[in-house]
Amino acid sequence: MTEPGVRRIILWRHGETSYNASGRMQGHIDTELTEIGWNQARFAVPALARFAPDLVVASDLRRATDTATVFTEGMGVPLRVDKRLRETCLGQWQGLTGAEVDERWPGYRRRWRADATWAPPGGESRVEVADRAFEMVEDLEREDLDTVLLAAHGGLIVALTARLLDLPVEHWTLLGGIGNCHWVELGRAEGRWRLHAYNAGMTG
């Protein structure tokens, strides 16, 4: 007997932005895709199409929404926007390079990378990000959906993946980053989410 609720989730990171290209921290800053980013999204569509998602849900930040529309307009899949899929709020670090953060807050970035419960000044922790994204996934469970594609952000994808897999918080930092327009595939069996692919993507 098939389990009710969503059986597969694809977490797709947005394409390259100008901040990605210049090494600046984005957070909630609403940056735009570069031409490379648009092309990355177009290139990924045929690979993602094989998952045949019933619905695409995108962060309301334009870099994720624009990435999502490349897929939904090409494949005719419904698109929904949900601000709970926003990237981590990085507070006072937003708009700065890593070097600038290290100069103003020595050692803080190292602590942030090592502890998922710690937040940048004025920002969110990865645990807080996972909580709001997980709430959105729980809402999707009430709908008649088989596969859902979530167009979001690197930090959120890592945090939500850790949460869905029930990893101990102290082990969340073992998950590596997600490349632009790469994705994570999770499938549910026997009431648990299992990792099928991590940081998968097309190159070319």
N, C-alpha and C. Protein backbone atom coordinates (compact mmCIF):
# COMPACT_ATOMS: atom_id res chain seq x y z
N MET A 1 0.85 -1.20 0.00
CA MET A 1 0.00 0.00 0.00
C MET A 1 0.88 1.25 0.00
N THR A 2 0.57 2.21 -0.86
CA THR A 2 1.35 3.44 -0.96
C THR A 2 1.07 4.35 0.23
N GLU A 3 2.15 4.91 0.81
CA GLU A 3 1.98 5.82 1.94
C GLU A 3 1.36 7.12 1.46
N PRO A 4 0.47 7.70 2.29
CA PRO A 4 -0.09 9.01 1.93
C PRO A 4 0.98 10.09 2.07
N GLY A 5 0.74 11.22 1.40
CA GLY A 5 1.66 12.35 1.53
C GLY A 5 2.74 12.34 0.46
N VAL A 6 3.58 13.35 0.50
CA VAL A 6 4.66 13.51 -0.47
C VAL A 6 5.65 12.35 -0.33
N ARG A 7 6.01 11.75 -1.46
CA ARG A 7 6.95 10.62 -1.44
C ARG A 7 8.37 11.02 -1.83
N ARG A 8 8.49 12.14 -2.57
CA ARG A 8 9.82 12.55 -3.01
C ARG A 8 9.91 14.07 -3.02
N ILE A 9 11.04 14.58 -2.54
CA ILE A 9 11.31 16.01 -2.54
C ILE A 9 12.64 16.25 -3.24
N ILE A 10 12.64 17.19 -4.18
CA ILE A 10 13.86 17.62 -4.83
C ILE A 10 14.13 19.05 -4.37
N LEU A 11 15.27 19.28 -3.77
CA LEU A 11 15.67 20.61 -3.28
C LEU A 11 16.67 21.18 -4.28
N TRP A 12 16.25 22.20 -5.00
CA TRP A 12 17.03 22.75 -6.12
C TRP A 12 17.53 24.15 -5.78
N ARG A 13 18.83 24.32 -5.80
CA ARG A 13 19.38 25.65 -5.52
C ARG A 13 19.31 26.53 -6.77
N HIS A 14 19.10 27.82 -6.56
CA HIS A 14 19.02 28.80 -7.65
C HIS A 14 20.33 28.89 -8.44
N GLY A 15 20.24 29.52 -9.60
CA GLY A 15 21.43 29.74 -10.43
C GLY A 15 22.32 30.84 -9.88
N GLU A 16 23.45 31.02 -10.54
CA GLU A 16 24.43 32.02 -10.09
C GLU A 16 23.85 33.43 -10.08
N THR A 17 24.22 34.20 -9.05
CA THR A 17 23.86 35.61 -8.95
C THR A 17 25.14 36.45 -8.99
N SER A 18 24.96 37.75 -9.10
CA SER A 18 26.12 38.64 -9.09
C SER A 18 26.86 38.56 -7.76
N TYR A 19 26.12 38.34 -6.67
CA TYR A 19 26.76 38.19 -5.35
C TYR A 19 27.55 36.88 -5.27
N ASN A 20 27.00 35.81 -5.84
CA ASN A 20 27.76 34.56 -5.90
C ASN A 20 29.07 34.78 -6.64
N ALA A 21 28.98 35.46 -7.77
CA ALA A 21 30.16 35.66 -8.62
C ALA A 21 31.22 36.51 -7.94
N SER A 22 30.79 37.44 -7.07
CA SER A 22 31.75 38.34 -6.41
C SER A 22 32.08 37.91 -4.99
N GLY A 23 31.54 36.78 -4.54
CA GLY A 23 31.87 36.26 -3.22
C GLY A 23 31.23 37.01 -2.07
N ARG A 24 30.07 37.62 -2.32
CA ARG A 24 29.38 38.35 -1.24
C ARG A 24 28.26 37.50 -0.64
N MET A 25 28.00 37.72 0.64
CA MET A 25 26.99 36.96 1.36
C MET A 25 25.63 37.61 1.12
N GLN A 26 24.66 36.79 0.69
CA GLN A 26 23.37 37.33 0.26
C GLN A 26 22.32 37.34 1.36
N GLY A 27 22.05 36.18 1.93
CA GLY A 27 20.98 36.11 2.92
C GLY A 27 19.67 36.55 2.30
N HIS A 28 19.01 37.53 2.92
CA HIS A 28 17.71 38.01 2.44
C HIS A 28 17.82 39.12 1.40
N ILE A 29 19.03 39.54 1.04
CA ILE A 29 19.17 40.54 -0.03
C ILE A 29 18.65 39.93 -1.33
N ASP A 30 17.80 40.68 -2.03
CA ASP A 30 17.09 40.13 -3.19
C ASP A 30 17.90 40.32 -4.47
N THR A 31 18.92 39.52 -4.64
CA THR A 31 19.82 39.63 -5.78
C THR A 31 19.22 38.96 -7.02
N GLU A 32 19.79 39.29 -8.18
CA GLU A 32 19.29 38.77 -9.45
C GLU A 32 20.25 37.75 -10.04
N LEU A 33 19.70 36.88 -10.88
CA LEU A 33 20.54 35.92 -11.59
C LEU A 33 21.42 36.62 -12.62
N THR A 34 22.63 36.10 -12.78
CA THR A 34 23.47 36.53 -13.90
C THR A 34 23.04 35.77 -15.15
N GLU A 35 23.58 36.12 -16.29
CA GLU A 35 23.28 35.37 -17.50
C GLU A 35 23.73 33.92 -17.35
N ILE A 36 24.85 33.71 -16.66
CA ILE A 36 25.30 32.34 -16.38
C ILE A 36 24.24 31.62 -15.56
N GLY A 37 23.69 32.31 -14.56
CA GLY A 37 22.66 31.71 -13.71
C GLY A 37 21.43 31.29 -14.49
N TRP A 38 20.97 32.15 -15.39
CA TRP A 38 19.83 31.79 -16.24
C TRP A 38 20.14 30.55 -17.08
N ASN A 39 21.35 30.52 -17.64
CA ASN A 39 21.74 29.37 -18.48
C ASN A 39 21.86 28.10 -17.65
N GLN A 40 22.36 28.22 -16.41
CA GLN A 40 22.43 27.05 -15.53
C GLN A 40 21.04 26.46 -15.31
N ALA A 41 20.07 27.34 -15.09
CA ALA A 41 18.70 26.87 -14.87
C ALA A 41 18.16 26.17 -16.11
N ARG A 42 18.38 26.76 -17.27
CA ARG A 42 17.89 26.15 -18.52
C ARG A 42 18.54 24.78 -18.75
N PHE A 43 19.82 24.69 -18.43
CA PHE A 43 20.56 23.46 -18.65
C PHE A 43 20.08 22.34 -17.73
N ALA A 44 19.61 22.71 -16.54
CA ALA A 44 19.18 21.71 -15.55
C ALA A 44 17.79 21.16 -15.83
N VAL A 45 16.98 21.89 -16.58
CA VAL A 45 15.58 21.50 -16.77
C VAL A 45 15.41 20.07 -17.28
N PRO A 46 16.11 19.63 -18.34
CA PRO A 46 15.89 18.25 -18.81
C PRO A 46 16.20 17.19 -17.76
N ALA A 47 17.23 17.44 -16.94
CA ALA A 47 17.57 16.46 -15.90
C ALA A 47 16.51 16.42 -14.81
N LEU A 48 16.00 17.59 -14.44
CA LEU A 48 14.98 17.65 -13.39
C LEU A 48 13.63 17.16 -13.89
N ALA A 49 13.39 17.26 -15.18
CA ALA A 49 12.10 16.84 -15.75
C ALA A 49 11.83 15.36 -15.50
N ARG A 50 12.88 14.56 -15.38
CA ARG A 50 12.69 13.12 -15.18
C ARG A 50 12.03 12.80 -13.84
N PHE A 51 12.08 13.76 -12.89
CA PHE A 51 11.43 13.55 -11.61
C PHE A 51 9.92 13.77 -11.70
N ALA A 52 9.47 14.41 -12.78
CA ALA A 52 8.05 14.67 -13.03
C ALA A 52 7.34 15.24 -11.81
N PRO A 53 7.79 16.39 -11.30
CA PRO A 53 7.15 16.94 -10.10
C PRO A 53 5.72 17.37 -10.37
N ASP A 54 4.88 17.19 -9.35
CA ASP A 54 3.49 17.63 -9.43
C ASP A 54 3.37 19.12 -9.16
N LEU A 55 4.33 19.68 -8.44
CA LEU A 55 4.28 21.06 -8.00
C LEU A 55 5.70 21.57 -7.80
N VAL A 56 5.93 22.84 -8.10
CA VAL A 56 7.17 23.52 -7.75
C VAL A 56 6.84 24.61 -6.74
N VAL A 57 7.56 24.63 -5.64
CA VAL A 57 7.41 25.69 -4.64
C VAL A 57 8.74 26.42 -4.56
N ALA A 58 8.69 27.76 -4.68
CA ALA A 58 9.91 28.56 -4.71
C ALA A 58 9.93 29.56 -3.57
N SER A 59 11.13 29.86 -3.13
CA SER A 59 11.35 30.99 -2.24
C SER A 59 10.87 32.26 -2.94
N ASP A 60 10.45 33.26 -2.12
CA ASP A 60 9.98 34.50 -2.73
C ASP A 60 11.12 35.43 -3.15
N LEU A 61 12.36 35.09 -2.84
CA LEU A 61 13.49 35.88 -3.32
C LEU A 61 13.67 35.59 -4.81
N ARG A 62 13.87 36.64 -5.61
CA ARG A 62 13.76 36.50 -7.06
C ARG A 62 14.76 35.52 -7.68
N ARG A 63 15.92 35.36 -7.06
CA ARG A 63 16.89 34.43 -7.65
C ARG A 63 16.35 33.00 -7.65
N ALA A 64 15.55 32.66 -6.65
CA ALA A 64 14.94 31.33 -6.60
C ALA A 64 13.68 31.27 -7.45
N THR A 65 12.85 32.32 -7.36
CA THR A 65 11.62 32.34 -8.15
C THR A 65 11.92 32.34 -9.64
N ASP A 66 12.91 33.12 -10.07
CA ASP A 66 13.27 33.16 -11.48
C ASP A 66 13.81 31.81 -11.94
N THR A 67 14.63 31.18 -11.12
CA THR A 67 15.14 29.85 -11.45
C THR A 67 13.98 28.88 -11.61
N ALA A 68 13.02 28.95 -10.69
CA ALA A 68 11.87 28.05 -10.75
C ALA A 68 11.04 28.24 -12.01
N THR A 69 10.86 29.50 -12.43
CA THR A 69 10.02 29.76 -13.59
C THR A 69 10.62 29.19 -14.88
N VAL A 70 11.92 29.08 -14.93
CA VAL A 70 12.55 28.45 -16.10
C VAL A 70 12.03 27.03 -16.25
N PHE A 71 11.87 26.34 -15.12
CA PHE A 71 11.36 24.97 -15.15
C PHE A 71 9.85 24.95 -15.38
N THR A 72 9.10 25.73 -14.60
CA THR A 72 7.65 25.64 -14.67
C THR A 72 7.10 26.10 -16.02
N GLU A 73 7.69 27.15 -16.58
CA GLU A 73 7.21 27.62 -17.88
C GLU A 73 7.57 26.65 -19.00
N GLY A 74 8.72 25.98 -18.85
CA GLY A 74 9.12 25.02 -19.87
C GLY A 74 8.38 23.71 -19.79
N MET A 75 7.97 23.32 -18.56
CA MET A 75 7.37 22.01 -18.35
C MET A 75 5.87 22.06 -18.05
N GLY A 76 5.32 23.27 -17.86
CA GLY A 76 3.89 23.37 -17.59
C GLY A 76 3.48 22.85 -16.22
N VAL A 77 4.36 23.00 -15.24
CA VAL A 77 4.09 22.54 -13.88
C VAL A 77 3.66 23.74 -13.03
N PRO A 78 2.68 23.58 -12.14
CA PRO A 78 2.24 24.71 -11.30
C PRO A 78 3.37 25.23 -10.41
N LEU A 79 3.36 26.55 -10.19
CA LEU A 79 4.36 27.20 -9.34
C LEU A 79 3.66 27.87 -8.17
N ARG A 80 4.22 27.66 -6.98
CA ARG A 80 3.75 28.32 -5.77
C ARG A 80 4.95 29.02 -5.13
N VAL A 81 4.72 30.17 -4.53
CA VAL A 81 5.79 30.92 -3.87
C VAL A 81 5.54 30.92 -2.36
N ASP A 82 6.60 30.63 -1.59
CA ASP A 82 6.46 30.56 -0.13
C ASP A 82 7.70 31.16 0.51
N LYS A 83 7.50 32.22 1.30
CA LYS A 83 8.65 32.91 1.90
C LYS A 83 9.36 32.07 2.95
N ARG A 84 8.76 30.97 3.38
CA ARG A 84 9.44 30.10 4.35
C ARG A 84 10.64 29.38 3.73
N LEU A 85 10.76 29.45 2.40
CA LEU A 85 11.91 28.86 1.71
C LEU A 85 13.03 29.87 1.49
N ARG A 86 12.91 31.06 2.09
CA ARG A 86 13.99 32.05 1.96
C ARG A 86 15.31 31.53 2.52
N GLU A 87 16.38 32.09 2.00
CA GLU A 87 17.71 31.78 2.53
C GLU A 87 17.82 32.25 3.98
N THR A 88 18.83 31.76 4.67
CA THR A 88 19.14 32.18 6.03
C THR A 88 19.32 33.69 6.08
N CYS A 89 18.68 34.34 7.04
CA CYS A 89 18.96 35.76 7.26
C CYS A 89 20.33 35.86 7.93
N LEU A 90 21.24 36.57 7.29
CA LEU A 90 22.61 36.69 7.80
C LEU A 90 22.84 37.98 8.56
N GLY A 91 21.77 38.70 8.83
CA GLY A 91 21.88 39.89 9.68
C GLY A 91 22.91 40.89 9.18
N GLN A 92 23.82 41.27 10.06
CA GLN A 92 24.82 42.29 9.75
C GLN A 92 25.87 41.83 8.74
N TRP A 93 25.87 40.55 8.42
CA TRP A 93 26.85 40.04 7.45
C TRP A 93 26.38 40.20 6.01
N GLN A 94 25.10 40.44 5.80
CA GLN A 94 24.56 40.48 4.44
C GLN A 94 25.21 41.59 3.62
N GLY A 95 25.65 41.22 2.42
CA GLY A 95 26.29 42.17 1.52
C GLY A 95 27.80 42.23 1.66
N LEU A 96 28.34 41.55 2.68
CA LEU A 96 29.79 41.59 2.91
C LEU A 96 30.46 40.36 2.31
N THR A 97 31.75 40.48 2.02
CA THR A 97 32.54 39.31 1.63
C THR A 97 32.96 38.56 2.89
N GLY A 98 33.40 37.33 2.71
CA GLY A 98 33.90 36.57 3.85
C GLY A 98 35.06 37.27 4.53
N ALA A 99 35.94 37.88 3.75
CA ALA A 99 37.10 38.58 4.32
C ALA A 99 36.66 39.77 5.16
N GLU A 100 35.63 40.48 4.70
CA GLU A 100 35.12 41.62 5.45
C GLU A 100 34.49 41.19 6.77
N VAL A 101 33.77 40.07 6.74
CA VAL A 101 33.18 39.54 7.97
C VAL A 101 34.29 39.14 8.95
N ASP A 102 35.32 38.46 8.44
CA ASP A 102 36.41 38.02 9.30
C ASP A 102 37.16 39.19 9.92
N GLU A 103 37.24 40.28 9.20
CA GLU A 103 37.93 41.46 9.73
C GLU A 103 37.13 42.12 10.85
N ARG A 104 35.82 42.19 10.68
CA ARG A 104 34.97 42.87 11.67
C ARG A 104 34.58 41.98 12.84
N TRP A 105 34.44 40.68 12.57
CA TRP A 105 34.04 39.72 13.61
C TRP A 105 35.00 38.53 13.58
N PRO A 106 36.22 38.71 14.05
CA PRO A 106 37.21 37.63 13.99
C PRO A 106 36.71 36.35 14.68
N GLY A 107 36.80 35.24 13.97
CA GLY A 107 36.44 33.94 14.52
C GLY A 107 34.96 33.61 14.47
N TYR A 108 34.11 34.59 14.15
CA TYR A 108 32.67 34.34 14.18
C TYR A 108 32.23 33.41 13.05
N ARG A 109 32.79 33.59 11.86
CA ARG A 109 32.38 32.72 10.74
C ARG A 109 32.76 31.27 11.02
N ARG A 110 33.90 31.06 11.64
CA ARG A 110 34.32 29.70 12.00
C ARG A 110 33.33 29.08 12.99
N ARG A 111 32.91 29.89 13.96
CA ARG A 111 31.93 29.40 14.93
C ARG A 111 30.60 29.09 14.25
N TRP A 112 30.19 29.95 13.34
CA TRP A 112 28.94 29.75 12.61
C TRP A 112 28.96 28.45 11.81
N ARG A 113 30.07 28.17 11.15
CA ARG A 113 30.18 26.94 10.36
C ARG A 113 30.17 25.70 11.24
N ALA A 114 30.65 25.83 12.47
CA ALA A 114 30.81 24.67 13.35
C ALA A 114 29.58 24.38 14.21
N ASP A 115 28.65 25.32 14.32
CA ASP A 115 27.53 25.18 15.25
C ASP A 115 26.23 25.62 14.58
N ALA A 116 25.36 24.65 14.28
CA ALA A 116 24.10 24.94 13.58
C ALA A 116 23.11 25.70 14.45
N THR A 117 23.36 25.80 15.75
CA THR A 117 22.46 26.53 16.63
C THR A 117 22.87 27.99 16.79
N TRP A 118 24.02 28.37 16.22
CA TRP A 118 24.56 29.72 16.40
C TRP A 118 24.16 30.59 15.22
N ALA A 119 23.81 31.84 15.48
CA ALA A 119 23.36 32.75 14.42
C ALA A 119 24.30 33.94 14.28
N PRO A 120 24.50 34.44 13.06
CA PRO A 120 25.25 35.69 12.86
C PRO A 120 24.56 36.84 13.59
N PRO A 121 25.28 37.91 13.90
CA PRO A 121 24.66 39.06 14.58
C PRO A 121 23.43 39.57 13.83
N GLY A 122 22.27 39.50 14.47
CA GLY A 122 21.04 39.96 13.84
C GLY A 122 20.43 38.99 12.85
N GLY A 123 20.96 37.77 12.78
CA GLY A 123 20.49 36.80 11.80
C GLY A 123 19.86 35.56 12.40
N GLU A 124 19.74 34.51 11.58
CA GLU A 124 19.12 33.25 11.99
C GLU A 124 20.16 32.15 12.09
N SER A 125 19.90 31.18 12.95
CA SER A 125 20.70 29.96 12.99
C SER A 125 20.17 28.99 11.94
N ARG A 126 20.96 27.98 11.59
CA ARG A 126 20.50 26.96 10.64
C ARG A 126 19.33 26.18 11.21
N VAL A 127 19.29 25.99 12.51
CA VAL A 127 18.17 25.29 13.13
C VAL A 127 16.88 26.07 12.93
N GLU A 128 16.92 27.38 13.10
CA GLU A 128 15.73 28.21 12.89
C GLU A 128 15.28 28.16 11.44
N VAL A 129 16.22 28.17 10.52
CA VAL A 129 15.89 28.08 9.09
C VAL A 129 15.22 26.75 8.79
N ALA A 130 15.77 25.67 9.33
CA ALA A 130 15.20 24.34 9.12
C ALA A 130 13.79 24.25 9.68
N ASP A 131 13.55 24.88 10.82
CA ASP A 131 12.22 24.82 11.44
C ASP A 131 11.15 25.42 10.54
N ARG A 132 11.43 26.60 9.96
CA ARG A 132 10.41 27.23 9.12
C ARG A 132 10.21 26.47 7.81
N ALA A 133 11.30 25.94 7.26
CA ALA A 133 11.16 25.16 6.02
C ALA A 133 10.44 23.84 6.27
N PHE A 134 10.73 23.21 7.40
CA PHE A 134 10.08 21.95 7.76
C PHE A 134 8.58 22.14 7.94
N GLU A 135 8.20 23.28 8.49
CA GLU A 135 6.78 23.61 8.64
C GLU A 135 6.09 23.64 7.28
N MET A 136 6.78 24.19 6.27
CA MET A 136 6.21 24.23 4.93
C MET A 136 6.05 22.82 4.36
N VAL A 137 7.04 21.96 4.59
CA VAL A 137 6.95 20.57 4.13
C VAL A 137 5.78 19.86 4.80
N GLU A 138 5.59 20.10 6.09
CA GLU A 138 4.45 19.50 6.79
C GLU A 138 3.12 19.94 6.17
N ASP A 139 3.03 21.19 5.74
CA ASP A 139 1.82 21.67 5.08
C ASP A 139 1.59 20.93 3.76
N LEU A 140 2.67 20.66 3.03
CA LEU A 140 2.54 19.94 1.76
C LEU A 140 2.04 18.51 1.98
N GLU A 141 2.33 17.95 3.14
CA GLU A 141 1.91 16.58 3.43
C GLU A 141 0.39 16.42 3.44
N ARG A 142 -0.32 17.52 3.59
CA ARG A 142 -1.79 17.47 3.63
C ARG A 142 -2.40 17.45 2.23
N GLU A 143 -1.55 17.58 1.21
CA GLU A 143 -2.04 17.62 -0.17
C GLU A 143 -1.76 16.30 -0.89
N ASP A 144 -2.47 16.11 -1.98
CA ASP A 144 -2.31 14.88 -2.77
C ASP A 144 -1.20 15.09 -3.79
N LEU A 145 0.05 14.96 -3.32
CA LEU A 145 1.22 15.19 -4.15
C LEU A 145 2.17 14.01 -4.02
N ASP A 146 2.80 13.65 -5.13
CA ASP A 146 3.78 12.57 -5.11
C ASP A 146 5.20 13.13 -5.03
N THR A 147 5.55 14.02 -5.96
CA THR A 147 6.88 14.61 -6.01
C THR A 147 6.77 16.13 -6.04
N VAL A 148 7.57 16.79 -5.21
CA VAL A 148 7.58 18.24 -5.14
C VAL A 148 9.01 18.74 -5.35
N LEU A 149 9.15 19.75 -6.19
CA LEU A 149 10.44 20.40 -6.42
C LEU A 149 10.44 21.72 -5.66
N LEU A 150 11.40 21.90 -4.75
CA LEU A 150 11.52 23.13 -3.97
C LEU A 150 12.70 23.92 -4.51
N ALA A 151 12.44 25.10 -5.04
CA ALA A 151 13.50 25.97 -5.58
C ALA A 151 13.90 26.95 -4.48
N ALA A 152 15.10 26.78 -3.97
CA ALA A 152 15.47 27.54 -2.77
C ALA A 152 16.94 27.94 -2.81
N HIS A 153 17.60 27.86 -1.67
CA HIS A 153 18.93 28.43 -1.47
C HIS A 153 19.84 27.43 -0.77
N GLY A 154 21.16 27.61 -0.98
CA GLY A 154 22.11 26.64 -0.47
C GLY A 154 22.02 26.39 1.03
N GLY A 155 22.02 27.47 1.81
CA GLY A 155 21.98 27.30 3.26
C GLY A 155 20.70 26.62 3.73
N LEU A 156 19.57 27.03 3.16
CA LEU A 156 18.30 26.41 3.53
C LEU A 156 18.26 24.95 3.13
N ILE A 157 18.76 24.63 1.95
CA ILE A 157 18.72 23.24 1.48
C ILE A 157 19.52 22.33 2.41
N VAL A 158 20.69 22.76 2.81
CA VAL A 158 21.50 21.95 3.72
C VAL A 158 20.77 21.76 5.05
N ALA A 159 20.22 22.85 5.60
CA ALA A 159 19.53 22.76 6.89
C ALA A 159 18.29 21.89 6.82
N LEU A 160 17.48 22.05 5.77
CA LEU A 160 16.27 21.25 5.64
C LEU A 160 16.60 19.78 5.40
N THR A 161 17.64 19.51 4.62
CA THR A 161 18.06 18.12 4.41
C THR A 161 18.42 17.46 5.74
N ALA A 162 19.20 18.16 6.55
CA ALA A 162 19.60 17.62 7.85
C ALA A 162 18.38 17.35 8.72
N ARG A 163 17.43 18.27 8.69
CA ARG A 163 16.22 18.13 9.51
C ARG A 163 15.37 16.95 9.04
N LEU A 164 15.17 16.83 7.73
CA LEU A 164 14.35 15.75 7.21
C LEU A 164 14.98 14.38 7.47
N LEU A 165 16.30 14.33 7.49
CA LEU A 165 17.00 13.06 7.75
C LEU A 165 17.14 12.77 9.24
N ASP A 166 16.64 13.67 10.08
CA ASP A 166 16.74 13.51 11.54
C ASP A 166 18.18 13.38 12.02
N LEU A 167 19.09 14.11 11.38
CA LEU A 167 20.48 14.09 11.84
C LEU A 167 20.59 14.82 13.17
N PRO A 168 21.41 14.32 14.10
CA PRO A 168 21.67 15.09 15.32
C PRO A 168 22.24 16.45 14.95
N VAL A 169 21.82 17.49 15.64
CA VAL A 169 22.23 18.85 15.28
C VAL A 169 23.74 19.00 15.23
N GLU A 170 24.45 18.31 16.11
CA GLU A 170 25.91 18.42 16.13
C GLU A 170 26.56 17.83 14.89
N HIS A 171 25.79 17.08 14.10
CA HIS A 171 26.32 16.48 12.87
C HIS A 171 25.88 17.22 11.61
N TRP A 172 25.09 18.28 11.74
CA TRP A 172 24.62 18.99 10.55
C TRP A 172 25.77 19.55 9.73
N THR A 173 26.84 19.92 10.39
CA THR A 173 27.96 20.53 9.68
C THR A 173 28.72 19.53 8.81
N LEU A 174 28.38 18.24 8.91
CA LEU A 174 29.03 17.24 8.06
C LEU A 174 28.54 17.32 6.62
N LEU A 175 27.37 17.95 6.40
CA LEU A 175 26.85 18.10 5.04
C LEU A 175 27.55 19.26 4.35
N GLY A 176 28.05 19.00 3.15
CA GLY A 176 28.75 20.03 2.40
C GLY A 176 27.80 20.99 1.71
N GLY A 177 28.36 21.98 1.04
CA GLY A 177 27.56 22.98 0.35
C GLY A 177 26.94 22.45 -0.93
N ILE A 178 26.02 23.24 -1.47
CA ILE A 178 25.30 22.88 -2.70
C ILE A 178 25.69 23.88 -3.79
N GLY A 179 26.10 23.39 -4.94
CA GLY A 179 26.48 24.26 -6.04
C GLY A 179 25.28 24.94 -6.67
N ASN A 180 25.51 26.04 -7.36
CA ASN A 180 24.42 26.72 -8.06
C ASN A 180 23.72 25.77 -9.03
N CYS A 181 22.41 25.73 -8.94
CA CYS A 181 21.55 24.89 -9.79
C CYS A 181 21.79 23.39 -9.61
N HIS A 182 22.40 23.01 -8.49
CA HIS A 182 22.50 21.59 -8.12
C HIS A 182 21.36 21.26 -7.17
N TRP A 183 21.17 19.98 -6.92
CA TRP A 183 19.99 19.59 -6.15
C TRP A 183 20.27 18.42 -5.22
N VAL A 184 19.32 18.23 -4.30
CA VAL A 184 19.29 17.11 -3.37
C VAL A 184 18.00 16.34 -3.63
N GLU A 185 18.09 15.02 -3.66
CA GLU A 185 16.89 14.18 -3.83
C GLU A 185 16.66 13.37 -2.56
N LEU A 186 15.45 13.50 -2.01
CA LEU A 186 15.05 12.75 -0.83
C LEU A 186 13.80 11.95 -1.14
N GLY A 187 13.78 10.70 -0.73
CA GLY A 187 12.60 9.87 -0.92
C GLY A 187 12.14 9.31 0.42
N ARG A 188 10.85 9.12 0.54
CA ARG A 188 10.31 8.63 1.82
C ARG A 188 9.87 7.19 1.69
N ALA A 189 10.30 6.38 2.64
CA ALA A 189 9.92 4.97 2.69
C ALA A 189 9.80 4.56 4.15
N GLU A 190 8.76 3.81 4.44
CA GLU A 190 8.52 3.33 5.81
C GLU A 190 8.52 4.47 6.82
N GLY A 191 7.93 5.60 6.40
CA GLY A 191 7.76 6.71 7.31
C GLY A 191 8.99 7.56 7.54
N ARG A 192 10.08 7.30 6.82
CA ARG A 192 11.31 8.06 7.03
C ARG A 192 11.84 8.59 5.70
N TRP A 193 12.47 9.77 5.77
CA TRP A 193 13.12 10.34 4.60
C TRP A 193 14.51 9.74 4.45
N ARG A 194 14.86 9.40 3.22
CA ARG A 194 16.17 8.82 2.92
C ARG A 194 16.84 9.65 1.81
N LEU A 195 18.14 9.76 1.92
CA LEU A 195 18.91 10.56 0.95
C LEU A 195 19.24 9.71 -0.27
N HIS A 196 18.78 10.16 -1.45
CA HIS A 196 19.05 9.44 -2.69
C HIS A 196 20.16 10.09 -3.51
N ALA A 197 20.28 11.42 -3.43
CA ALA A 197 21.34 12.14 -4.15
C ALA A 197 21.62 13.45 -3.43
N TYR A 198 22.88 13.86 -3.44
CA TYR A 198 23.26 15.10 -2.74
C TYR A 198 24.22 15.91 -3.62
N ASN A 199 23.89 17.17 -3.82
CA ASN A 199 24.68 18.08 -4.66
C ASN A 199 24.84 17.51 -6.08
N ALA A 200 23.75 16.92 -6.57
CA ALA A 200 23.75 16.41 -7.94
C ALA A 200 23.51 17.57 -8.90
N GLY A 201 23.98 17.42 -10.13
CA GLY A 201 23.77 18.50 -11.09
C GLY A 201 24.36 18.19 -12.43
N MET A 202 24.09 19.09 -13.37
CA MET A 202 24.62 18.98 -14.71
C MET A 202 25.81 19.91 -14.86
N THR A 203 26.77 19.51 -15.64
CA THR A 203 27.91 20.38 -15.94
C THR A 203 28.01 20.56 -17.45
N GLY A 204 28.50 21.71 -17.84
CA GLY A 204 28.63 21.96 -19.26
C GLY A 204 28.45 23.41 -19.58
